[in-house]
Amino acid sequence: AVGLASVGEGEVVWYVQFDRRAHPMPEDEADAKERFARRLLRGWP
C-alpha cells in the first residue's frame, strides 16, 4: 500500500508499506530505495 498526506508548509509525506516476505527489503541506499519504489509501483497512478 502507499499513503499520502499533506503535513503543512507545502510538504508532503508519502510512504510505501510492504510485506517483506513478498517484497524483499532493499538496501538502505538512496539508489536502491528509488529502484525499489519504481519497481514496486510501476503502473500505479
ModelCIF file with pLDDT and N, C-alpha, C, O atoms, coordinates in Angstrom:
data_MODEL
#
_entry.id   MODEL 
#
_entity.id                         1 
_entity.type                       polymer 
_entity.pdbx_number_of_molecules   1 
#
_entity_poly.entity_id                      1 
_entity_poly.type                           'polypeptide(L)' 
_entity_poly.nstd_linkage                   no 
_entity_poly.nstd_monomer                   no 
_entity_poly.pdbx_seq_one_letter_code       AVGLASVGEGEVVWYVQFDRRAHPMPEDEADAKERFARRLLRGWP 
_entity_poly.pdbx_seq_one_letter_code_can   AVGLASVGEGEVVWYVQFDRRAHPMPEDEADAKERFARRLLRGWP 
_entity_poly.pdbx_strand_id                 A 
#
loop_
_entity_poly_seq.entity_id 
_entity_poly_seq.num 
_entity_poly_seq.mon_id 
_entity_poly_seq.hetero 
1 1  ALA n 
1 2  VAL n 
1 3  GLY n 
1 4  LEU n 
1 5  ALA n 
1 6  SER n 
1 7  VAL n 
1 8  GLY n 
1 9  GLU n 
1 10 GLY n 
1 11 GLU n 
1 12 VAL n 
1 13 VAL n 
1 14 TRP n 
1 15 TYR n 
1 16 VAL n 
1 17 GLN n 
1 18 PHE n 
1 19 ASP n 
1 20 ARG n 
1 21 ARG n 
1 22 ALA n 
1 23 HIS n 
1 24 PRO n 
1 25 MET n 
1 26 PRO n 
1 27 GLU n 
1 28 ASP n 
1 29 GLU n 
1 30 ALA n 
1 31 ASP n 
1 32 ALA n 
1 33 LYS n 
1 34 GLU n 
1 35 ARG n 
1 36 PHE n 
1 37 ALA n 
1 38 ARG n 
1 39 ARG n 
1 40 LEU n 
1 41 LEU n 
1 42 ARG n 
1 43 GLY n 
1 44 TRP n 
1 45 PRO n 
#
_struct_asym.id          A 
_struct_asym.entity_id   1 
#
loop_
_ma_qa_metric.id 
_ma_qa_metric.mode 
_ma_qa_metric.name 
_ma_qa_metric.software_group_id 
_ma_qa_metric.type 
1 global pLDDT . pLDDT 
2 local  pLDDT . pLDDT 
#
_ma_qa_metric_global.metric_id      1 
_ma_qa_metric_global.metric_value   96.18 
_ma_qa_metric_global.model_id       1 
_ma_qa_metric_global.ordinal_id     1 
#
loop_
_ma_qa_metric_local.label_asym_id 
_ma_qa_metric_local.label_comp_id 
_ma_qa_metric_local.label_seq_id 
_ma_qa_metric_local.metric_id 
_ma_qa_metric_local.metric_value 
_ma_qa_metric_local.model_id 
_ma_qa_metric_local.ordinal_id 
A ALA 1  2 97.00 1 1  
A VAL 2  2 98.00 1 2  
A GLY 3  2 97.00 1 3  
A LEU 4  2 97.00 1 4  
A ALA 5  2 97.00 1 5  
A SER 6  2 97.00 1 6  
A VAL 7  2 96.00 1 7  
A GLY 8  2 95.00 1 8  
A GLU 9  2 91.00 1 9  
A GLY 10 2 95.00 1 10 
A GLU 11 2 96.00 1 11 
A VAL 12 2 97.00 1 12 
A VAL 13 2 97.00 1 13 
A TRP 14 2 97.00 1 14 
A TYR 15 2 97.00 1 15 
A VAL 16 2 98.00 1 16 
A GLN 17 2 97.00 1 17 
A PHE 18 2 97.00 1 18 
A ASP 19 2 96.00 1 19 
A ARG 20 2 95.00 1 20 
A ARG 21 2 94.00 1 21 
A ALA 22 2 94.00 1 22 
A HIS 23 2 95.00 1 23 
A PRO 24 2 92.00 1 24 
A MET 25 2 91.00 1 25 
A PRO 26 2 94.00 1 26 
A GLU 27 2 94.00 1 27 
A ASP 28 2 93.00 1 28 
A GLU 29 2 96.00 1 29 
A ALA 30 2 97.00 1 30 
A ASP 31 2 97.00 1 31 
A ALA 32 2 97.00 1 32 
A LYS 33 2 98.00 1 33 
A GLU 34 2 98.00 1 34 
A ARG 35 2 97.00 1 35 
A PHE 36 2 98.00 1 36 
A ALA 37 2 98.00 1 37 
A ARG 38 2 97.00 1 38 
A ARG 39 2 97.00 1 39 
A LEU 40 2 97.00 1 40 
A LEU 41 2 98.00 1 41 
A ARG 42 2 97.00 1 42 
A GLY 43 2 97.00 1 43 
A TRP 44 2 98.00 1 44 
A PRO 45 2 97.00 1 45 
#
loop_
_atom_site.group_PDB 
_atom_site.id 
_atom_site.type_symbol 
_atom_site.label_atom_id 
_atom_site.label_alt_id 
_atom_site.label_comp_id 
_atom_site.label_asym_id 
_atom_site.label_entity_id 
_atom_site.label_seq_id 
_atom_site.pdbx_PDB_ins_code 
_atom_site.Cartn_x 
_atom_site.Cartn_y 
_atom_site.Cartn_z 
_atom_site.occupancy 
_atom_site.B_iso_or_equiv 
_atom_site.pdbx_formal_charge 
_atom_site.auth_seq_id 
_atom_site.auth_comp_id 
_atom_site.auth_asym_id 
_atom_site.auth_atom_id 
_atom_site.pdbx_PDB_model_num 
ATOM 1   N N  . ALA A 1 1  ? 0.845  -1.189  0.000   1.00 97.00 ? 1  ALA A N  1 
ATOM 2   C CA . ALA A 1 1  ? 0.000  0.000   0.000   1.00 97.00 ? 1  ALA A CA 1 
ATOM 3   C C  . ALA A 1 1  ? 0.880  1.238   0.000   1.00 97.00 ? 1  ALA A C  1 
ATOM 4   O O  . ALA A 1 1  ? 2.044  1.189   0.398   1.00 97.00 ? 1  ALA A O  1 
ATOM 5   N N  . VAL A 1 2  ? 0.308  2.352   -0.453  1.00 98.00 ? 2  VAL A N  1 
ATOM 6   C CA . VAL A 1 2  ? 1.005  3.635   -0.474  1.00 98.00 ? 2  VAL A CA 1 
ATOM 7   C C  . VAL A 1 2  ? 0.072  4.687   0.105   1.00 98.00 ? 2  VAL A C  1 
ATOM 8   O O  . VAL A 1 2  ? -1.084 4.786   -0.304  1.00 98.00 ? 2  VAL A O  1 
ATOM 9   N N  . GLY A 1 3  ? 0.567  5.474   1.057   1.00 97.00 ? 3  GLY A N  1 
ATOM 10  C CA . GLY A 1 3  ? -0.219 6.545   1.654   1.00 97.00 ? 3  GLY A CA 1 
ATOM 11  C C  . GLY A 1 3  ? 0.403  7.897   1.402   1.00 97.00 ? 3  GLY A C  1 
ATOM 12  O O  . GLY A 1 3  ? 1.621  8.022   1.278   1.00 97.00 ? 3  GLY A O  1 
ATOM 13  N N  . LEU A 1 4  ? -0.452 8.922   1.326   1.00 97.00 ? 4  LEU A N  1 
ATOM 14  C CA . LEU A 1 4  ? 0.000  10.292  1.100   1.00 97.00 ? 4  LEU A CA 1 
ATOM 15  C C  . LEU A 1 4  ? -0.732 11.219  2.065   1.00 97.00 ? 4  LEU A C  1 
ATOM 16  O O  . LEU A 1 4  ? -1.912 11.022  2.354   1.00 97.00 ? 4  LEU A O  1 
ATOM 17  N N  . ALA A 1 5  ? -0.020 12.235  2.563   1.00 97.00 ? 5  ALA A N  1 
ATOM 18  C CA . ALA A 1 5  ? -0.655 13.238  3.410   1.00 97.00 ? 5  ALA A CA 1 
ATOM 19  C C  . ALA A 1 5  ? 0.076  14.556  3.261   1.00 97.00 ? 5  ALA A C  1 
ATOM 20  O O  . ALA A 1 5  ? 1.305  14.594  3.206   1.00 97.00 ? 5  ALA A O  1 
ATOM 21  N N  . SER A 1 6  ? -0.679 15.627  3.198   1.00 97.00 ? 6  SER A N  1 
ATOM 22  C CA . SER A 1 6  ? -0.116 16.963  3.324   1.00 97.00 ? 6  SER A CA 1 
ATOM 23  C C  . SER A 1 6  ? 0.123  17.230  4.800   1.00 97.00 ? 6  SER A C  1 
ATOM 24  O O  . SER A 1 6  ? -0.745 16.954  5.628   1.00 97.00 ? 6  SER A O  1 
ATOM 25  N N  . VAL A 1 7  ? 1.303  17.770  5.142   1.00 96.00 ? 7  VAL A N  1 
ATOM 26  C CA . VAL A 1 7  ? 1.655  17.976  6.548   1.00 96.00 ? 7  VAL A CA 1 
ATOM 27  C C  . VAL A 1 7  ? 1.945  19.440  6.868   1.00 96.00 ? 7  VAL A C  1 
ATOM 28  O O  . VAL A 1 7  ? 2.556  19.748  7.892   1.00 96.00 ? 7  VAL A O  1 
ATOM 29  N N  . GLY A 1 8  ? 1.505  20.339  5.991   1.00 95.00 ? 8  GLY A N  1 
ATOM 30  C CA . GLY A 1 8  ? 1.730  21.760  6.226   1.00 95.00 ? 8  GLY A CA 1 
ATOM 31  C C  . GLY A 1 8  ? 2.990  22.266  5.556   1.00 95.00 ? 8  GLY A C  1 
ATOM 32  O O  . GLY A 1 8  ? 3.889  21.491  5.230   1.00 95.00 ? 8  GLY A O  1 
ATOM 33  N N  . GLU A 1 9  ? 3.051  23.585  5.352   1.00 91.00 ? 9  GLU A N  1 
ATOM 34  C CA . GLU A 1 9  ? 4.223  24.233  4.764   1.00 91.00 ? 9  GLU A CA 1 
ATOM 35  C C  . GLU A 1 9  ? 4.502  23.753  3.348   1.00 91.00 ? 9  GLU A C  1 
ATOM 36  O O  . GLU A 1 9  ? 5.638  23.842  2.881   1.00 91.00 ? 9  GLU A O  1 
ATOM 37  N N  . GLY A 1 10 ? 3.475  23.239  2.648   1.00 95.00 ? 10 GLY A N  1 
ATOM 38  C CA . GLY A 1 10 ? 3.672  22.724  1.299   1.00 95.00 ? 10 GLY A CA 1 
ATOM 39  C C  . GLY A 1 10 ? 4.406  21.410  1.244   1.00 95.00 ? 10 GLY A C  1 
ATOM 40  O O  . GLY A 1 10 ? 4.812  20.972  0.167   1.00 95.00 ? 10 GLY A O  1 
ATOM 41  N N  . GLU A 1 11 ? 4.588  20.763  2.399   1.00 96.00 ? 11 GLU A N  1 
ATOM 42  C CA . GLU A 1 11 ? 5.299  19.493  2.468   1.00 96.00 ? 11 GLU A CA 1 
ATOM 43  C C  . GLU A 1 11 ? 4.318  18.327  2.344   1.00 96.00 ? 11 GLU A C  1 
ATOM 44  O O  . GLU A 1 11 ? 3.172  18.402  2.788   1.00 96.00 ? 11 GLU A O  1 
ATOM 45  N N  . VAL A 1 12 ? 4.797  17.261  1.735   1.00 97.00 ? 12 VAL A N  1 
ATOM 46  C CA . VAL A 1 12 ? 4.011  16.034  1.599   1.00 97.00 ? 12 VAL A CA 1 
ATOM 47  C C  . VAL A 1 12 ? 4.843  14.875  2.126   1.00 97.00 ? 12 VAL A C  1 
ATOM 48  O O  . VAL A 1 12 ? 6.016  14.728  1.783   1.00 97.00 ? 12 VAL A O  1 
ATOM 49  N N  . VAL A 1 13 ? 4.227  14.062  2.955   1.00 97.00 ? 13 VAL A N  1 
ATOM 50  C CA . VAL A 1 13 ? 4.830  12.798  3.376   1.00 97.00 ? 13 VAL A CA 1 
ATOM 51  C C  . VAL A 1 13 ? 4.118  11.679  2.630   1.00 97.00 ? 13 VAL A C  1 
ATOM 52  O O  . VAL A 1 13 ? 2.889  11.608  2.616   1.00 97.00 ? 13 VAL A O  1 
ATOM 53  N N  . TRP A 1 14 ? 4.909  10.802  2.006   1.00 97.00 ? 14 TRP A N  1 
ATOM 54  C CA . TRP A 1 14 ? 4.316  9.630   1.364   1.00 97.00 ? 14 TRP A CA 1 
ATOM 55  C C  . TRP A 1 14 ? 5.137  8.406   1.742   1.00 97.00 ? 14 TRP A C  1 
ATOM 56  O O  . TRP A 1 14 ? 6.351  8.484   1.926   1.00 97.00 ? 14 TRP A O  1 
ATOM 57  N N  . TYR A 1 15 ? 4.458  7.292   1.851   1.00 97.00 ? 15 TYR A N  1 
ATOM 58  C CA . TYR A 1 15 ? 5.128  6.103   2.374   1.00 97.00 ? 15 TYR A CA 1 
ATOM 59  C C  . TYR A 1 15 ? 4.606  4.862   1.666   1.00 97.00 ? 15 TYR A C  1 
ATOM 60  O O  . TYR A 1 15 ? 3.440  4.779   1.282   1.00 97.00 ? 15 TYR A O  1 
ATOM 61  N N  . VAL A 1 16 ? 5.509  3.900   1.505   1.00 98.00 ? 16 VAL A N  1 
ATOM 62  C CA . VAL A 1 16 ? 5.182  2.605   0.923   1.00 98.00 ? 16 VAL A CA 1 
ATOM 63  C C  . VAL A 1 16 ? 5.202  1.575   2.045   1.00 98.00 ? 16 VAL A C  1 
ATOM 64  O O  . VAL A 1 16 ? 6.229  1.390   2.699   1.00 98.00 ? 16 VAL A O  1 
ATOM 65  N N  . GLN A 1 17 ? 4.089  0.912   2.271   1.00 97.00 ? 17 GLN A N  1 
ATOM 66  C CA . GLN A 1 17 ? 4.012  -0.176  3.243   1.00 97.00 ? 17 GLN A CA 1 
ATOM 67  C C  . GLN A 1 17 ? 4.062  -1.492  2.485   1.00 97.00 ? 17 GLN A C  1 
ATOM 68  O O  . GLN A 1 17 ? 3.309  -1.686  1.531   1.00 97.00 ? 17 GLN A O  1 
ATOM 69  N N  . PHE A 1 18 ? 4.947  -2.405  2.902   1.00 97.00 ? 18 PHE A N  1 
ATOM 70  C CA . PHE A 1 18 ? 5.070  -3.666  2.165   1.00 97.00 ? 18 PHE A CA 1 
ATOM 71  C C  . PHE A 1 18 ? 5.405  -4.817  3.097   1.00 97.00 ? 18 PHE A C  1 
ATOM 72  O O  . PHE A 1 18 ? 6.080  -4.650  4.113   1.00 97.00 ? 18 PHE A O  1 
ATOM 73  N N  . ASP A 1 19 ? 4.916  -5.985  2.722   1.00 96.00 ? 19 ASP A N  1 
ATOM 74  C CA . ASP A 1 19 ? 5.211  -7.228  3.423   1.00 96.00 ? 19 ASP A CA 1 
ATOM 75  C C  . ASP A 1 19 ? 6.549  -7.742  2.896   1.00 96.00 ? 19 ASP A C  1 
ATOM 76  O O  . ASP A 1 19 ? 6.664  -8.102  1.725   1.00 96.00 ? 19 ASP A O  1 
ATOM 77  N N  . ARG A 1 20 ? 7.557  -7.775  3.765   1.00 95.00 ? 20 ARG A N  1 
ATOM 78  C CA . ARG A 1 20 ? 8.907  -8.164  3.337   1.00 95.00 ? 20 ARG A CA 1 
ATOM 79  C C  . ARG A 1 20 ? 8.962  -9.591  2.817   1.00 95.00 ? 20 ARG A C  1 
ATOM 80  O O  . ARG A 1 20 ? 9.861  -9.926  2.047   1.00 95.00 ? 20 ARG A O  1 
ATOM 81  N N  . ARG A 1 21 ? 8.036  -10.427 3.212   1.00 94.00 ? 21 ARG A N  1 
ATOM 82  C CA . ARG A 1 21 ? 8.061  -11.817 2.761   1.00 94.00 ? 21 ARG A CA 1 
ATOM 83  C C  . ARG A 1 21 ? 7.692  -11.919 1.284   1.00 94.00 ? 21 ARG A C  1 
ATOM 84  O O  . ARG A 1 21 ? 8.110  -12.849 0.595   1.00 94.00 ? 21 ARG A O  1 
ATOM 85  N N  . ALA A 1 22 ? 6.911  -10.962 0.807   1.00 94.00 ? 22 ALA A N  1 
ATOM 86  C CA . ALA A 1 22 ? 6.539  -10.939 -0.603  1.00 94.00 ? 22 ALA A CA 1 
ATOM 87  C C  . ALA A 1 22 ? 7.387  -9.958  -1.402  1.00 94.00 ? 22 ALA A C  1 
ATOM 88  O O  . ALA A 1 22 ? 7.572  -10.131 -2.606  1.00 94.00 ? 22 ALA A O  1 
ATOM 89  N N  . HIS A 1 23 ? 7.907  -8.921  -0.728  1.00 95.00 ? 23 HIS A N  1 
ATOM 90  C CA . HIS A 1 23 ? 8.687  -7.876  -1.395  1.00 95.00 ? 23 HIS A CA 1 
ATOM 91  C C  . HIS A 1 23 ? 9.948  -7.631  -0.573  1.00 95.00 ? 23 HIS A C  1 
ATOM 92  O O  . HIS A 1 23 ? 9.948  -6.774  0.310   1.00 95.00 ? 23 HIS A O  1 
ATOM 93  N N  . PRO A 1 24 ? 11.020 -8.365  -0.848  1.00 92.00 ? 24 PRO A N  1 
ATOM 94  C CA . PRO A 1 24 ? 12.228 -8.253  -0.043  1.00 92.00 ? 24 PRO A CA 1 
ATOM 95  C C  . PRO A 1 24 ? 12.723 -6.813  0.066   1.00 92.00 ? 24 PRO A C  1 
ATOM 96  O O  . PRO A 1 24 ? 12.701 -6.055  -0.904  1.00 92.00 ? 24 PRO A O  1 
ATOM 97  N N  . MET A 1 25 ? 13.164 -6.461  1.253   1.00 91.00 ? 25 MET A N  1 
ATOM 98  C CA . MET A 1 25 ? 13.558 -5.092  1.545   1.00 91.00 ? 25 MET A CA 1 
ATOM 99  C C  . MET A 1 25 ? 14.819 -4.698  0.779   1.00 91.00 ? 25 MET A C  1 
ATOM 100 O O  . MET A 1 25 ? 15.742 -5.504  0.665   1.00 91.00 ? 25 MET A O  1 
ATOM 101 N N  . PRO A 1 26 ? 14.874 -3.464  0.250   1.00 94.00 ? 26 PRO A N  1 
ATOM 102 C CA . PRO A 1 26 ? 16.067 -3.027  -0.488  1.00 94.00 ? 26 PRO A CA 1 
ATOM 103 C C  . PRO A 1 26 ? 17.200 -2.661  0.463   1.00 94.00 ? 26 PRO A C  1 
ATOM 104 O O  . PRO A 1 26 ? 16.999 -2.531  1.670   1.00 94.00 ? 26 PRO A O  1 
ATOM 105 N N  . GLU A 1 27 ? 18.377 -2.499  -0.097  1.00 94.00 ? 27 GLU A N  1 
ATOM 106 C CA . GLU A 1 27 ? 19.490 -1.961  0.677   1.00 94.00 ? 27 GLU A CA 1 
ATOM 107 C C  . GLU A 1 27 ? 19.159 -0.533  1.098   1.00 94.00 ? 27 GLU A C  1 
ATOM 108 O O  . GLU A 1 27 ? 18.406 0.175   0.430   1.00 94.00 ? 27 GLU A O  1 
ATOM 109 N N  . ASP A 1 28 ? 19.745 -0.129  2.230   1.00 93.00 ? 28 ASP A N  1 
ATOM 110 C CA . ASP A 1 28 ? 19.453 1.201   2.758   1.00 93.00 ? 28 ASP A CA 1 
ATOM 111 C C  . ASP A 1 28 ? 20.351 2.248   2.089   1.00 93.00 ? 28 ASP A C  1 
ATOM 112 O O  . ASP A 1 28 ? 21.127 2.935   2.752   1.00 93.00 ? 28 ASP A O  1 
ATOM 113 N N  . GLU A 1 29 ? 20.228 2.350   0.780   1.00 96.00 ? 29 GLU A N  1 
ATOM 114 C CA . GLU A 1 29 ? 20.972 3.340   -0.014  1.00 96.00 ? 29 GLU A CA 1 
ATOM 115 C C  . GLU A 1 29 ? 19.986 4.034   -0.933  1.00 96.00 ? 29 GLU A C  1 
ATOM 116 O O  . GLU A 1 29 ? 19.001 3.436   -1.367  1.00 96.00 ? 29 GLU A O  1 
ATOM 117 N N  . ALA A 1 30 ? 20.254 5.302   -1.230  1.00 97.00 ? 30 ALA A N  1 
ATOM 118 C CA . ALA A 1 30 ? 19.296 6.108   -1.991  1.00 97.00 ? 30 ALA A CA 1 
ATOM 119 C C  . ALA A 1 30 ? 18.928 5.450   -3.318  1.00 97.00 ? 30 ALA A C  1 
ATOM 120 O O  . ALA A 1 30 ? 17.745 5.344   -3.641  1.00 97.00 ? 30 ALA A O  1 
ATOM 121 N N  . ASP A 1 31 ? 19.922 5.003   -4.095  1.00 97.00 ? 31 ASP A N  1 
ATOM 122 C CA . ASP A 1 31 ? 19.635 4.408   -5.401  1.00 97.00 ? 31 ASP A CA 1 
ATOM 123 C C  . ASP A 1 31 ? 18.807 3.140   -5.265  1.00 97.00 ? 31 ASP A C  1 
ATOM 124 O O  . ASP A 1 31 ? 17.892 2.902   -6.053  1.00 97.00 ? 31 ASP A O  1 
ATOM 125 N N  . ALA A 1 32 ? 19.126 2.330   -4.272  1.00 97.00 ? 32 ALA A N  1 
ATOM 126 C CA . ALA A 1 32 ? 18.394 1.077   -4.079  1.00 97.00 ? 32 ALA A CA 1 
ATOM 127 C C  . ALA A 1 32 ? 16.949 1.350   -3.677  1.00 97.00 ? 32 ALA A C  1 
ATOM 128 O O  . ALA A 1 32 ? 16.038 0.664   -4.140  1.00 97.00 ? 32 ALA A O  1 
ATOM 129 N N  . LYS A 1 33 ? 16.734 2.335   -2.829  1.00 98.00 ? 33 LYS A N  1 
ATOM 130 C CA . LYS A 1 33 ? 15.372 2.660   -2.403  1.00 98.00 ? 33 LYS A CA 1 
ATOM 131 C C  . LYS A 1 33 ? 14.564 3.225   -3.568  1.00 98.00 ? 33 LYS A C  1 
ATOM 132 O O  . LYS A 1 33 ? 13.375 2.934   -3.701  1.00 98.00 ? 33 LYS A O  1 
ATOM 133 N N  . GLU A 1 34 ? 15.201 4.025   -4.403  1.00 98.00 ? 34 GLU A N  1 
ATOM 134 C CA . GLU A 1 34 ? 14.487 4.565   -5.567  1.00 98.00 ? 34 GLU A CA 1 
ATOM 135 C C  . GLU A 1 34 ? 14.126 3.453   -6.554  1.00 98.00 ? 34 GLU A C  1 
ATOM 136 O O  . GLU A 1 34 ? 13.002 3.408   -7.055  1.00 98.00 ? 34 GLU A O  1 
ATOM 137 N N  . ARG A 1 35 ? 15.075 2.559   -6.834  1.00 97.00 ? 35 ARG A N  1 
ATOM 138 C CA . ARG A 1 35 ? 14.783 1.447   -7.744  1.00 97.00 ? 35 ARG A CA 1 
ATOM 139 C C  . ARG A 1 35 ? 13.661 0.574   -7.188  1.00 97.00 ? 35 ARG A C  1 
ATOM 140 O O  . ARG A 1 35 ? 12.795 0.111   -7.930  1.00 97.00 ? 35 ARG A O  1 
ATOM 141 N N  . PHE A 1 36 ? 13.687 0.358   -5.890  1.00 98.00 ? 36 PHE A N  1 
ATOM 142 C CA . PHE A 1 36 ? 12.663 -0.449  -5.237  1.00 98.00 ? 36 PHE A CA 1 
ATOM 143 C C  . PHE A 1 36 ? 11.286 0.188   -5.424  1.00 98.00 ? 36 PHE A C  1 
ATOM 144 O O  . PHE A 1 36 ? 10.330 -0.490  -5.800  1.00 98.00 ? 36 PHE A O  1 
ATOM 145 N N  . ALA A 1 37 ? 11.188 1.500   -5.158  1.00 98.00 ? 37 ALA A N  1 
ATOM 146 C CA . ALA A 1 37 ? 9.902  2.191   -5.307  1.00 98.00 ? 37 ALA A CA 1 
ATOM 147 C C  . ALA A 1 37 ? 9.425  2.156   -6.750  1.00 98.00 ? 37 ALA A C  1 
ATOM 148 O O  . ALA A 1 37 ? 8.243  1.929   -7.007  1.00 98.00 ? 37 ALA A O  1 
ATOM 149 N N  . ARG A 1 38 ? 10.341 2.381   -7.700  1.00 97.00 ? 38 ARG A N  1 
ATOM 150 C CA . ARG A 1 38 ? 9.947  2.361   -9.112  1.00 97.00 ? 38 ARG A CA 1 
ATOM 151 C C  . ARG A 1 38 ? 9.456  0.974   -9.527  1.00 97.00 ? 38 ARG A C  1 
ATOM 152 O O  . ARG A 1 38 ? 8.461  0.852   -10.243 1.00 97.00 ? 38 ARG A O  1 
ATOM 153 N N  . ARG A 1 39 ? 10.144 -0.054  -9.084  1.00 97.00 ? 39 ARG A N  1 
ATOM 154 C CA . ARG A 1 39 ? 9.757  -1.409  -9.474  1.00 97.00 ? 39 ARG A CA 1 
ATOM 155 C C  . ARG A 1 39 ? 8.419  -1.789  -8.839  1.00 97.00 ? 39 ARG A C  1 
ATOM 156 O O  . ARG A 1 39 ? 7.543  -2.343  -9.503  1.00 97.00 ? 39 ARG A O  1 
ATOM 157 N N  . LEU A 1 40 ? 8.272  -1.489  -7.560  1.00 97.00 ? 40 LEU A N  1 
ATOM 158 C CA . LEU A 1 40 ? 7.075  -1.909  -6.855  1.00 97.00 ? 40 LEU A CA 1 
ATOM 159 C C  . LEU A 1 40 ? 5.831  -1.172  -7.336  1.00 97.00 ? 40 LEU A C  1 
ATOM 160 O O  . LEU A 1 40 ? 4.735  -1.733  -7.345  1.00 97.00 ? 40 LEU A O  1 
ATOM 161 N N  . LEU A 1 41 ? 6.000  0.085   -7.737  1.00 98.00 ? 41 LEU A N  1 
ATOM 162 C CA . LEU A 1 41 ? 4.848  0.920   -8.074  1.00 98.00 ? 41 LEU A CA 1 
ATOM 163 C C  . LEU A 1 41 ? 4.749  1.196   -9.570  1.00 98.00 ? 41 LEU A C  1 
ATOM 164 O O  . LEU A 1 41 ? 4.079  2.141   -9.985  1.00 98.00 ? 41 LEU A O  1 
ATOM 165 N N  . ARG A 1 42 ? 5.401  0.389   -10.367 1.00 97.00 ? 42 ARG A N  1 
ATOM 166 C CA . ARG A 1 42 ? 5.307  0.559   -11.820 1.00 97.00 ? 42 ARG A CA 1 
ATOM 167 C C  . ARG A 1 42 ? 3.851  0.383   -12.263 1.00 97.00 ? 42 ARG A C  1 
ATOM 168 O O  . ARG A 1 42 ? 3.216  -0.625  -11.953 1.00 97.00 ? 42 ARG A O  1 
ATOM 169 N N  . GLY A 1 43 ? 3.331  1.376   -12.991 1.00 97.00 ? 43 GLY A N  1 
ATOM 170 C CA . GLY A 1 43 ? 1.965  1.314   -13.483 1.00 97.00 ? 43 GLY A CA 1 
ATOM 171 C C  . GLY A 1 43 ? 0.927  1.874   -12.529 1.00 97.00 ? 43 GLY A C  1 
ATOM 172 O O  . GLY A 1 43 ? -0.247 1.964   -12.888 1.00 97.00 ? 43 GLY A O  1 
ATOM 173 N N  . TRP A 1 44 ? 1.332  2.254   -11.312 1.00 98.00 ? 44 TRP A N  1 
ATOM 174 C CA . TRP A 1 44 ? 0.379  2.855   -10.380 1.00 98.00 ? 44 TRP A CA 1 
ATOM 175 C C  . TRP A 1 44 ? 0.100  4.294   -10.814 1.00 98.00 ? 44 TRP A C  1 
ATOM 176 O O  . TRP A 1 44 ? 0.927  4.887   -11.507 1.00 98.00 ? 44 TRP A O  1 
ATOM 177 N N  . PRO A 1 45 ? -1.036 4.869   -10.430 1.00 97.00 ? 45 PRO A N  1 
ATOM 178 C CA . PRO A 1 45 ? -1.470 6.158   -10.984 1.00 97.00 ? 45 PRO A CA 1 
ATOM 179 C C  . PRO A 1 45 ? -0.760 7.359   -10.370 1.00 97.00 ? 45 PRO A C  1 
ATOM 180 O O  . PRO A 1 45 ? -1.034 8.498   -10.749 1.00 97.00 ? 45 PRO A O  1 
#
